[in-house]
């Protein structure tokens, strides 16, 4: 018989920062690298001039530009003046029939 004893540890150890993820507001490095690569490719393919020519080649291309590409440049949240909340006003237009003088 062997005198050595085998002990198994059923508890798995985790690093102290496990599960915390990226700090709030920090940039995703992979996304930034991908965006940089796409920007470089766009410049190599002709940049803004080529994109304009492509959009003008076919109405379907222009629809893709305005519906898919351009909205990515718009802000995700709208704010009013000096960062204040947006102010909305209701506009009501009434059609008046000049023939009906009683209205």
PDB file of N, CA and C in Angstrom:
ATOM      1  N   UNK A   1       0.805  -1.198   0.000  1.00  0.00           N
ATOM      2  CA  UNK A   1       0.000   0.000   0.000  1.00  0.00           C
ATOM      3  C   UNK A   1       0.847   1.260   0.000  1.00  0.00           C
ATOM      4  N   UNK A   2       0.286   2.297  -0.624  1.00  0.00           N
ATOM      5  CA  UNK A   2       1.015   3.546  -0.731  1.00  0.00           C
ATOM      6  C   UNK A   2       0.635   4.458   0.424  1.00  0.00           C
ATOM      7  N   UNK A   3       1.612   5.155   0.944  1.00  0.00           N
ATOM      8  CA  UNK A   3       1.361   6.070   2.056  1.00  0.00           C
ATOM      9  C   UNK A   3       0.999   7.479   1.582  1.00  0.00           C
ATOM     10  N   UNK A   4       1.038   7.734   0.254  1.00  0.00           N
ATOM     11  CA  UNK A   4       0.716   9.083  -0.243  1.00  0.00           C
ATOM     12  C   UNK A   4      -0.787   9.239  -0.322  1.00  0.00           C
ATOM     13  N   UNK A   5      -1.227  10.392   0.042  1.00  0.00           N
ATOM     14  CA  UNK A   5      -2.655  10.695   0.070  1.00  0.00           C
ATOM     15  C   UNK A   5      -2.941  11.791  -0.950  1.00  0.00           C
ATOM     16  N   UNK A   6      -3.941  11.586  -1.781  1.00  0.00           N
ATOM     17  CA  UNK A   6      -4.298  12.584  -2.789  1.00  0.00           C
ATOM     18  C   UNK A   6      -5.482  13.404  -2.264  1.00  0.00           C
ATOM     19  N   UNK A   7      -5.321  14.714  -2.271  1.00  0.00           N
ATOM     20  CA  UNK A   7      -6.370  15.605  -1.793  1.00  0.00           C
ATOM     21  C   UNK A   7      -6.861  16.425  -2.974  1.00  0.00           C
ATOM     22  N   UNK A   8      -8.161  16.453  -3.163  1.00  0.00           N
ATOM     23  CA  UNK A   8      -8.718  17.271  -4.236  1.00  0.00           C
ATOM     24  C   UNK A   8      -9.396  18.478  -3.627  1.00  0.00           C
ATOM     25  N   UNK A   9      -9.234  19.591  -4.288  1.00  0.00           N
ATOM     26  CA  UNK A   9      -9.837  20.833  -3.829  1.00  0.00           C
ATOM     27  C   UNK A   9     -11.032  21.116  -4.725  1.00  0.00           C
ATOM     28  N   UNK A  10     -12.227  21.094  -4.196  1.00  0.00           N
ATOM     29  CA  UNK A  10     -13.444  21.312  -4.980  1.00  0.00           C
ATOM     30  C   UNK A  10     -13.771  22.796  -5.150  1.00  0.00           C
ATOM     31  N   UNK A  11     -13.089  23.645  -4.425  1.00  0.00           N
ATOM     32  CA  UNK A  11     -13.356  25.078  -4.490  1.00  0.00           C
ATOM     33  C   UNK A  11     -12.443  25.690  -5.555  1.00  0.00           C
ATOM     34  N   UNK A  12     -13.058  26.365  -6.552  1.00  0.00           N
ATOM     35  CA  UNK A  12     -12.247  27.037  -7.565  1.00  0.00           C
ATOM     36  C   UNK A  12     -11.961  28.451  -7.103  1.00  0.00           C
ATOM     37  N   UNK A  13     -10.740  28.900  -7.330  1.00  0.00           N
ATOM     38  CA  UNK A  13     -10.347  30.226  -6.893  1.00  0.00           C
ATOM     39  C   UNK A  13     -10.489  31.198  -8.051  1.00  0.00           C
ATOM     40  N   UNK A  14     -10.982  32.375  -7.757  1.00  0.00           N
ATOM     41  CA  UNK A  14     -11.146  33.419  -8.758  1.00  0.00           C
ATOM     42  C   UNK A  14     -10.198  34.568  -8.444  1.00  0.00           C
ATOM     43  N   UNK A  15      -9.708  35.245  -9.484  1.00  0.00           N
ATOM     44  CA  UNK A  15      -8.884  36.438  -9.232  1.00  0.00           C
ATOM     45  C   UNK A  15      -9.728  37.504  -8.532  1.00  0.00           C
ATOM     46  N   UNK A  16      -9.094  38.407  -7.808  1.00  0.00           N
ATOM     47  CA  UNK A  16      -9.848  39.407  -7.034  1.00  0.00           C
ATOM     48  C   UNK A  16     -10.727  40.335  -7.879  1.00  0.00           C
ATOM     49  N   UNK A  17     -10.379  40.575  -9.148  1.00  0.00           N
ATOM     50  CA  UNK A  17     -11.177  41.488  -9.979  1.00  0.00           C
ATOM     51  C   UNK A  17     -12.091  40.736 -10.947  1.00  0.00           C
ATOM     52  N   UNK A  18     -12.291  39.459 -10.751  1.00  0.00           N
ATOM     53  CA  UNK A  18     -13.093  38.654 -11.678  1.00  0.00           C
ATOM     54  C   UNK A  18     -14.538  39.141 -11.703  1.00  0.00           C
ATOM     55  N   UNK A  19     -15.081  39.299 -12.903  1.00  0.00           N
ATOM     56  CA  UNK A  19     -16.486  39.670 -13.063  1.00  0.00           C
ATOM     57  C   UNK A  19     -16.766  41.156 -13.001  1.00  0.00           C
ATOM     58  N   UNK A  20     -15.778  41.982 -12.768  1.00  0.00           N
ATOM     59  CA  UNK A  20     -16.031  43.422 -12.647  1.00  0.00           C
ATOM     60  C   UNK A  20     -16.210  44.092 -14.005  1.00  0.00           C
ATOM     61  N   UNK A  21     -15.558  43.568 -15.039  1.00  0.00           N
ATOM     62  CA  UNK A  21     -15.688  44.163 -16.372  1.00  0.00           C
ATOM     63  C   UNK A  21     -14.940  45.471 -16.488  1.00  0.00           C
ATOM     64  N   UNK A  22     -15.247  46.187 -17.593  1.00  0.00           N
ATOM     65  CA  UNK A  22     -14.603  47.487 -17.823  1.00  0.00           C
ATOM     66  C   UNK A  22     -15.202  48.526 -16.898  1.00  0.00           C
ATOM     67  N   UNK A  23     -14.396  49.488 -16.469  1.00  0.00           N
ATOM     68  CA  UNK A  23     -14.951  50.592 -15.696  1.00  0.00           C
ATOM     69  C   UNK A  23     -15.956  51.385 -16.541  1.00  0.00           C
ATOM     70  N   UNK A  24     -16.969  51.910 -15.908  1.00  0.00           N
ATOM     71  CA  UNK A  24     -18.006  52.657 -16.610  1.00  0.00           C
ATOM     72  C   UNK A  24     -17.395  53.846 -17.351  1.00  0.00           C
ATOM     73  N   UNK A  25     -17.762  53.968 -18.639  1.00  0.00           N
ATOM     74  CA  UNK A  25     -17.295  55.081 -19.459  1.00  0.00           C
ATOM     75  C   UNK A  25     -15.996  54.824 -20.194  1.00  0.00           C
ATOM     76  N   UNK A  26     -15.314  53.721 -19.889  1.00  0.00           N
ATOM     77  CA  UNK A  26     -14.061  53.445 -20.602  1.00  0.00           C
ATOM     78  C   UNK A  26     -14.362  52.884 -21.989  1.00  0.00           C
ATOM     79  N   UNK A  27     -13.462  53.130 -22.908  1.00  0.00           N
ATOM     80  CA  UNK A  27     -13.650  52.710 -24.293  1.00  0.00           C
ATOM     81  C   UNK A  27     -13.268  51.245 -24.465  1.00  0.00           C
ATOM     82  N   UNK A  28     -14.006  50.554 -25.330  1.00  0.00           N
ATOM     83  CA  UNK A  28     -13.696  49.186 -25.672  1.00  0.00           C
ATOM     84  C   UNK A  28     -12.545  49.212 -26.679  1.00  0.00           C
ATOM     85  N   UNK A  29     -11.405  48.618 -26.334  1.00  0.00           N
ATOM     86  CA  UNK A  29     -10.220  48.676 -27.193  1.00  0.00           C
ATOM     87  C   UNK A  29     -10.448  47.955 -28.513  1.00  0.00           C
ATOM     88  N   UNK A  30     -11.186  46.851 -28.482  1.00  0.00           N
ATOM     89  CA  UNK A  30     -11.446  46.100 -29.711  1.00  0.00           C
ATOM     90  C   UNK A  30     -12.285  46.926 -30.671  1.00  0.00           C
ATOM     91  N   UNK A  31     -13.324  47.585 -30.163  1.00  0.00           N
ATOM     92  CA  UNK A  31     -14.176  48.420 -31.002  1.00  0.00           C
ATOM     93  C   UNK A  31     -13.377  49.567 -31.596  1.00  0.00           C
ATOM     94  N   UNK A  32     -12.527  50.197 -30.800  1.00  0.00           N
ATOM     95  CA  UNK A  32     -11.709  51.310 -31.292  1.00  0.00           C
ATOM     96  C   UNK A  32     -10.768  50.825 -32.391  1.00  0.00           C
ATOM     97  N   UNK A  33     -10.154  49.669 -32.196  1.00  0.00           N
ATOM     98  CA  UNK A  33      -9.243  49.123 -33.202  1.00  0.00           C
ATOM     99  C   UNK A  33      -9.998  48.817 -34.497  1.00  0.00           C
ATOM    100  N   UNK A  34     -11.192  48.279 -34.377  1.00  0.00           N
ATOM    101  CA  UNK A  34     -11.995  47.966 -35.567  1.00  0.00           C
ATOM    102  C   UNK A  34     -12.381  49.248 -36.293  1.00  0.00           C
ATOM    103  N   UNK A  35     -12.798  50.261 -35.553  1.00  0.00           N
ATOM    104  CA  UNK A  35     -13.175  51.531 -36.179  1.00  0.00           C
ATOM    105  C   UNK A  35     -11.981  52.176 -36.880  1.00  0.00           C
ATOM    106  N   UNK A  36     -10.818  52.092 -36.262  1.00  0.00           N
ATOM    107  CA  UNK A  36      -9.612  52.649 -36.885  1.00  0.00           C
ATOM    108  C   UNK A  36      -9.288  51.915 -38.186  1.00  0.00           C
ATOM    109  N   UNK A  37      -9.415  50.588 -38.164  1.00  0.00           N
ATOM    110  CA  UNK A  37      -9.131  49.793 -39.365  1.00  0.00           C
ATOM    111  C   UNK A  37     -10.114  50.132 -40.485  1.00  0.00           C
ATOM    112  N   UNK A  38     -11.376  50.296 -40.142  1.00  0.00           N
ATOM    113  CA  UNK A  38     -12.398  50.637 -41.143  1.00  0.00           C
ATOM    114  C   UNK A  38     -12.128  52.031 -41.709  1.00  0.00           C
ATOM    115  N   UNK A  39     -11.742  52.978 -40.850  1.00  0.00           N
ATOM    116  CA  UNK A  39     -11.437  54.338 -41.312  1.00  0.00           C
ATOM    117  C   UNK A  39     -10.243  54.324 -42.267  1.00  0.00           C
ATOM    118  N   UNK A  40      -9.221  53.533 -41.961  1.00  0.00           N
ATOM    119  CA  UNK A  40      -8.061  53.443 -42.848  1.00  0.00           C
ATOM    120  C   UNK A  40      -8.445  52.821 -44.190  1.00  0.00           C
ATOM    121  N   UNK A  41      -9.273  51.793 -44.147  1.00  0.00           N
ATOM    122  CA  UNK A  41      -9.727  51.154 -45.389  1.00  0.00           C
ATOM    123  C   UNK A  41     -10.548  52.131 -46.226  1.00  0.00           C
ATOM    124  N   UNK A  42     -11.405  52.905 -45.569  1.00  0.00           N
ATOM    125  CA  UNK A  42     -12.226  53.878 -46.286  1.00  0.00           C
ATOM    126  C   UNK A  42     -11.360  54.909 -46.983  1.00  0.00           C
ATOM    127  N   UNK A  43     -10.325  55.375 -46.312  1.00  0.00           N
ATOM    128  CA  UNK A  43      -9.419  56.348 -46.935  1.00  0.00           C
ATOM    129  C   UNK A  43      -8.685  55.728 -48.117  1.00  0.00           C
ATOM    130  N   UNK A  44      -8.255  54.469 -47.967  1.00  0.00           N
ATOM    131  CA  UNK A  44      -7.543  53.787 -49.050  1.00  0.00           C
ATOM    132  C   UNK A  44      -8.451  53.546 -50.254  1.00  0.00           C
ATOM    133  N   UNK A  45      -9.753  53.412 -50.012  1.00  0.00           N
ATOM    134  CA  UNK A  45     -10.706  53.171 -51.101  1.00  0.00           C
ATOM    135  C   UNK A  45     -11.187  54.460 -51.760  1.00  0.00           C
ATOM    136  N   UNK A  46     -10.735  55.598 -51.293  1.00  0.00           N
ATOM    137  CA  UNK A  46     -11.117  56.848 -51.945  1.00  0.00           C
ATOM    138  C   UNK A  46     -11.742  57.866 -51.020  1.00  0.00           C
ATOM    139  N   UNK A  47     -11.968  57.505 -49.788  1.00  0.00           N
ATOM    140  CA  UNK A  47     -12.476  58.448 -48.795  1.00  0.00           C
ATOM    141  C   UNK A  47     -13.862  58.992 -49.114  1.00  0.00           C
ATOM    142  N   UNK A  48     -14.061  60.252 -48.734  1.00  0.00           N
ATOM    143  CA  UNK A  48     -15.360  60.896 -48.879  1.00  0.00           C
ATOM    144  C   UNK A  48     -15.781  61.026 -50.341  1.00  0.00           C
ATOM    145  N   UNK A  49     -14.817  61.299 -51.215  1.00  0.00           N
ATOM    146  CA  UNK A  49     -15.152  61.458 -52.639  1.00  0.00           C
ATOM    147  C   UNK A  49     -15.710  60.156 -53.206  1.00  0.00           C
ATOM    148  N   UNK A  50     -15.087  59.037 -52.861  1.00  0.00           N
ATOM    149  CA  UNK A  50     -15.546  57.742 -53.375  1.00  0.00           C
ATOM    150  C   UNK A  50     -16.892  57.366 -52.774  1.00  0.00           C
ATOM    151  N   UNK A  51     -17.087  57.669 -51.490  1.00  0.00           N
ATOM    152  CA  UNK A  51     -18.371  57.384 -50.852  1.00  0.00           C
ATOM    153  C   UNK A  51     -19.485  58.191 -51.518  1.00  0.00           C
ATOM    154  N   UNK A  52     -19.197  59.442 -51.841  1.00  0.00           N
ATOM    155  CA  UNK A  52     -20.171  60.279 -52.535  1.00  0.00           C
ATOM    156  C   UNK A  52     -20.494  59.707 -53.910  1.00  0.00           C
ATOM    157  N   UNK A  53     -19.472  59.307 -54.646  1.00  0.00           N
ATOM    158  CA  UNK A  53     -19.695  58.730 -55.976  1.00  0.00           C
ATOM    159  C   UNK A  53     -20.524  57.452 -55.878  1.00  0.00           C
ATOM    160  N   UNK A  54     -20.219  56.615 -54.878  1.00  0.00           N
ATOM    161  CA  UNK A  54     -20.966  55.369 -54.688  1.00  0.00           C
ATOM    162  C   UNK A  54     -22.445  55.659 -54.391  1.00  0.00           C
ATOM    163  N   UNK A  55     -22.687  56.624 -53.513  1.00  0.00           N
ATOM    164  CA  UNK A  55     -24.070  56.944 -53.150  1.00  0.00           C
ATOM    165  C   UNK A  55     -24.840  57.485 -54.352  1.00  0.00           C
ATOM    166  N   UNK A  56     -24.160  58.178 -55.261  1.00  0.00           N
ATOM    167  CA  UNK A  56     -24.820  58.759 -56.427  1.00  0.00           C
ATOM    168  C   UNK A  56     -24.977  57.763 -57.575  1.00  0.00           C
ATOM    169  N   UNK A  57     -24.315  56.607 -57.503  1.00  0.00           N
ATOM    170  CA  UNK A  57     -24.408  55.615 -58.583  1.00  0.00           C
ATOM    171  C   UNK A  57     -25.807  55.024 -58.725  1.00  0.00           C
ATOM    172  N   UNK A  58     -26.509  54.877 -57.623  1.00  0.00           N
ATOM    173  CA  UNK A  58     -27.792  54.177 -57.636  1.00  0.00           C
ATOM    174  C   UNK A  58     -28.660  54.726 -56.497  1.00  0.00           C
ATOM    175  N   UNK A  59     -29.955  54.929 -56.726  1.00  0.00           N
ATOM    176  CA  UNK A  59     -30.831  55.391 -55.637  1.00  0.00           C
ATOM    177  C   UNK A  59     -30.827  54.443 -54.437  1.00  0.00           C
ATOM    178  N   UNK A  60     -30.627  53.143 -54.674  1.00  0.00           N
ATOM    179  CA  UNK A  60     -30.576  52.189 -53.558  1.00  0.00           C
ATOM    180  C   UNK A  60     -29.355  52.466 -52.678  1.00  0.00           C
ATOM    181  N   UNK A  61     -28.231  52.842 -53.291  1.00  0.00           N
ATOM    182  CA  UNK A  61     -27.031  53.177 -52.523  1.00  0.00           C
ATOM    183  C   UNK A  61     -27.268  54.418 -51.670  1.00  0.00           C
ATOM    184  N   UNK A  62     -27.932  55.408 -52.249  1.00  0.00           N
ATOM    185  CA  UNK A  62     -28.212  56.628 -51.481  1.00  0.00           C
ATOM    186  C   UNK A  62     -29.144  56.326 -50.317  1.00  0.00           C
ATOM    187  N   UNK A  63     -30.109  55.435 -50.536  1.00  0.00           N
ATOM    188  CA  UNK A  63     -31.025  55.042 -49.464  1.00  0.00           C
ATOM    189  C   UNK A  63     -30.249  54.350 -48.332  1.00  0.00           C
ATOM    190  N   UNK A  64     -29.276  53.500 -48.691  1.00  0.00           N
ATOM    191  CA  UNK A  64     -28.441  52.844 -47.676  1.00  0.00           C
ATOM    192  C   UNK A  64     -27.619  53.877 -46.926  1.00  0.00           C
ATOM    193  N   UNK A  65     -27.082  54.849 -47.656  1.00  0.00           N
ATOM    194  CA  UNK A  65     -26.286  55.890 -47.003  1.00  0.00           C
ATOM    195  C   UNK A  65     -27.099  56.635 -45.957  1.00  0.00           C
ATOM    196  N   UNK A  66     -28.265  57.145 -46.363  1.00  0.00           N
ATOM    197  CA  UNK A  66     -29.080  57.950 -45.447  1.00  0.00           C
ATOM    198  C   UNK A  66     -29.738  57.103 -44.360  1.00  0.00           C
ATOM    199  N   UNK A  67     -30.064  55.847 -44.680  1.00  0.00           N
ATOM    200  CA  UNK A  67     -30.785  55.024 -43.706  1.00  0.00           C
ATOM    201  C   UNK A  67     -29.897  54.243 -42.762  1.00  0.00           C
ATOM    202  N   UNK A  68     -28.658  53.930 -43.174  1.00  0.00           N
ATOM    203  CA  UNK A  68     -27.806  53.076 -42.353  1.00  0.00           C
ATOM    204  C   UNK A  68     -26.496  53.741 -41.954  1.00  0.00           C
ATOM    205  N   UNK A  69     -25.820  54.362 -42.899  1.00  0.00           N
ATOM    206  CA  UNK A  69     -24.487  54.898 -42.624  1.00  0.00           C
ATOM    207  C   UNK A  69     -24.556  56.224 -41.868  1.00  0.00           C
ATOM    208  N   UNK A  70     -25.293  57.190 -42.383  1.00  0.00           N
ATOM    209  CA  UNK A  70     -25.327  58.526 -41.780  1.00  0.00           C
ATOM    210  C   UNK A  70     -25.874  58.531 -40.347  1.00  0.00           C
ATOM    211  N   UNK A  71     -26.937  57.761 -40.032  1.00  0.00           N
ATOM    212  CA  UNK A  71     -27.448  57.801 -38.650  1.00  0.00           C
ATOM    213  C   UNK A  71     -26.420  57.397 -37.592  1.00  0.00           C
ATOM    214  N   UNK A  72     -25.375  56.678 -37.974  1.00  0.00           N
ATOM    215  CA  UNK A  72     -24.352  56.303 -37.004  1.00  0.00           C
ATOM    216  C   UNK A  72     -23.573  57.524 -36.507  1.00  0.00           C
ATOM    217  N   UNK A  73     -23.654  58.638 -37.231  1.00  0.00           N
ATOM    218  CA  UNK A  73     -22.965  59.854 -36.819  1.00  0.00           C
ATOM    219  C   UNK A  73     -23.808  60.720 -35.887  1.00  0.00           C
ATOM    220  N   UNK A  74     -25.096  60.452 -35.830  1.00  0.00           N
ATOM    221  CA  UNK A  74     -25.989  61.269 -35.021  1.00  0.00           C
ATOM    222  C   UNK A  74     -25.828  60.918 -33.541  1.00  0.00           C
ATOM    223  N   UNK A  75     -26.041  61.889 -32.652  1.00  0.00           N
ATOM    224  CA  UNK A  75     -25.913  61.600 -31.219  1.00  0.00           C
ATOM    225  C   UNK A  75     -27.005  60.630 -30.766  1.00  0.00           C
ATOM    226  N   UNK A  76     -26.677  59.827 -29.756  1.00  0.00           N
ATOM    227  CA  UNK A  76     -27.653  58.878 -29.242  1.00  0.00           C
ATOM    228  C   UNK A  76     -28.695  59.560 -28.377  1.00  0.00           C
ATOM    229  N   UNK A  77     -28.328  60.659 -27.738  1.00  0.00           N
ATOM    230  CA  UNK A  77     -29.264  61.376 -26.888  1.00  0.00           C
ATOM    231  C   UNK A  77     -29.282  62.837 -27.303  1.00  0.00           C
ATOM    232  N   UNK A  78     -30.461  63.388 -27.337  1.00  0.00           N
ATOM    233  CA  UNK A  78     -30.607  64.798 -27.678  1.00  0.00           C
ATOM    234  C   UNK A  78     -30.753  65.605 -26.400  1.00  0.00           C
ATOM    235  N   UNK A  79     -30.136  66.771 -26.398  1.00  0.00           N
ATOM    236  CA  UNK A  79     -30.291  67.669 -25.262  1.00  0.00           C
ATOM    237  C   UNK A  79     -30.649  69.040 -25.790  1.00  0.00           C
ATOM    238  N   UNK A  80     -31.233  69.829 -24.934  1.00  0.00           N
ATOM    239  CA  UNK A  80     -31.600  71.185 -25.301  1.00  0.00           C
ATOM    240  C   UNK A  80     -30.415  72.119 -25.155  1.00  0.00           C
ATOM    241  N   UNK A  81     -30.716  73.398 -25.055  1.00  0.00           N
ATOM    242  CA  UNK A  81     -29.680  74.410 -24.939  1.00  0.00           C
ATOM    243  C   UNK A  81     -28.900  74.253 -23.647  1.00  0.00           C
ATOM    244  N   UNK A  82     -27.578  74.325 -23.728  1.00  0.00           N
ATOM    245  CA  UNK A  82     -26.681  74.221 -22.571  1.00  0.00           C
ATOM    246  C   UNK A  82     -26.892  72.931 -21.775  1.00  0.00           C
ATOM    247  N   UNK A  83     -27.257  71.834 -22.459  1.00  0.00           N
ATOM    248  CA  UNK A  83     -27.410  70.539 -21.799  1.00  0.00           C
ATOM    249  C   UNK A  83     -28.732  70.346 -21.079  1.00  0.00           C
ATOM    250  N   UNK A  84     -29.620  71.332 -21.173  1.00  0.00           N
ATOM    251  CA  UNK A  84     -30.932  71.220 -20.515  1.00  0.00           C
ATOM    252  C   UNK A  84     -31.787  70.199 -21.268  1.00  0.00           C
ATOM    253  N   UNK A  85     -32.844  69.703 -20.631  1.00  0.00           N
ATOM    254  CA  UNK A  85     -33.731  68.762 -21.337  1.00  0.00           C
ATOM    255  C   UNK A  85     -34.375  69.418 -22.552  1.00  0.00           C
ATOM    256  N   UNK A  86     -34.740  68.604 -23.529  1.00  0.00           N
ATOM    257  CA  UNK A  86     -35.398  69.111 -24.733  1.00  0.00           C
ATOM    258  C   UNK A  86     -36.749  69.720 -24.367  1.00  0.00           C
ATOM    259  N   UNK A  87     -37.079  70.805 -25.021  1.00  0.00           N
ATOM    260  CA  UNK A  87     -38.374  71.447 -24.832  1.00  0.00           C
ATOM    261  C   UNK A  87     -39.209  71.197 -26.086  1.00  0.00           C
ATOM    262  N   UNK A  88     -40.395  70.700 -25.905  1.00  0.00           N
ATOM    263  CA  UNK A  88     -41.277  70.426 -27.027  1.00  0.00           C
ATOM    264  C   UNK A  88     -42.492  71.328 -26.921  1.00  0.00           C
ATOM    265  N   UNK A  89     -42.992  71.743 -28.069  1.00  0.00           N
ATOM    266  CA  UNK A  89     -44.225  72.530 -28.068  1.00  0.00           C
ATOM    267  C   UNK A  89     -45.170  71.923 -29.089  1.00  0.00           C
ATOM    268  N   UNK A  90     -46.432  71.960 -28.750  1.00  0.00           N
ATOM    269  CA  UNK A  90     -47.455  71.383 -29.609  1.00  0.00           C
ATOM    270  C   UNK A  90     -47.955  72.469 -30.562  1.00  0.00           C
ATOM    271  N   UNK A  91     -47.962  72.142 -31.838  1.00  0.00           N
ATOM    272  CA  UNK A  91     -48.446  73.071 -32.855  1.00  0.00           C
ATOM    273  C   UNK A  91     -49.728  72.479 -33.436  1.00  0.00           C
ATOM    274  N   UNK A  92     -50.800  73.248 -33.372  1.00  0.00           N
ATOM    275  CA  UNK A  92     -52.083  72.805 -33.910  1.00  0.00           C
ATOM    276  C   UNK A  92     -52.455  73.724 -35.058  1.00  0.00           C
ATOM    277  N   UNK A  93     -52.744  73.135 -36.185  1.00  0.00           N
ATOM    278  CA  UNK A  93     -53.166  73.912 -37.346  1.00  0.00           C
ATOM    279  C   UNK A  93     -54.608  73.551 -37.651  1.00  0.00           C
ATOM    280  N   UNK A  94     -55.412  74.560 -37.821  1.00  0.00           N
ATOM    281  CA  UNK A  94     -56.830  74.344 -38.064  1.00  0.00           C
ATOM    282  C   UNK A  94     -57.162  74.820 -39.471  1.00  0.00           C
ATOM    283  N   UNK A  95     -57.820  73.978 -40.203  1.00  0.00           N
ATOM    284  CA  UNK A  95     -58.237  74.325 -41.561  1.00  0.00           C
ATOM    285  C   UNK A  95     -59.611  74.973 -41.464  1.00  0.00           C
ATOM    286  N   UNK A  96     -59.700  76.201 -41.967  1.00  0.00           N
ATOM    287  CA  UNK A  96     -60.946  76.949 -41.913  1.00  0.00           C
ATOM    288  C   UNK A  96     -61.501  77.054 -43.316  1.00  0.00           C
ATOM    289  N   UNK A  97     -62.770  76.709 -43.453  1.00  0.00           N
ATOM    290  CA  UNK A  97     -63.453  76.781 -44.743  1.00  0.00           C
ATOM    291  C   UNK A  97     -64.041  78.193 -44.887  1.00  0.00           C
ATOM    292  N   UNK A  98     -63.529  78.999 -45.818  1.00  0.00           N
ATOM    293  CA  UNK A  98     -64.040  80.376 -45.947  1.00  0.00           C
ATOM    294  C   UNK A  98     -65.501  80.406 -46.409  1.00  0.00           C
ATOM    295  N   UNK A  99     -65.993  79.363 -47.033  1.00  0.00           N
ATOM    296  CA  UNK A  99     -67.382  79.335 -47.477  1.00  0.00           C
ATOM    297  C   UNK A  99     -68.330  79.185 -46.302  1.00  0.00           C
ATOM    298  N   UNK A 100     -67.874  78.592 -45.223  1.00  0.00           N
ATOM    299  CA  UNK A 100     -68.714  78.371 -44.052  1.00  0.00           C
ATOM    300  C   UNK A 100     -68.449  79.504 -43.080  1.00  0.00           C
ATOM    301  N   UNK A 101     -69.290  80.550 -43.100  1.00  0.00           N
ATOM    302  CA  UNK A 101     -69.064  81.735 -42.284  1.00  0.00           C
ATOM    303  C   UNK A 101     -69.485  81.530 -40.836  1.00  0.00           C
ATOM    304  N   UNK A 102     -70.262  80.486 -40.534  1.00  0.00           N
ATOM    305  CA  UNK A 102     -70.710  80.258 -39.176  1.00  0.00           C
ATOM    306  C   UNK A 102     -69.643  79.565 -38.313  1.00  0.00           C
ATOM    307  N   UNK A 103     -68.640  79.024 -38.915  1.00  0.00           N
ATOM    308  CA  UNK A 103     -67.640  78.229 -38.164  1.00  0.00           C
ATOM    309  C   UNK A 103     -66.678  79.077 -37.429  1.00  0.00           C
TER     310      UNK A 103
END
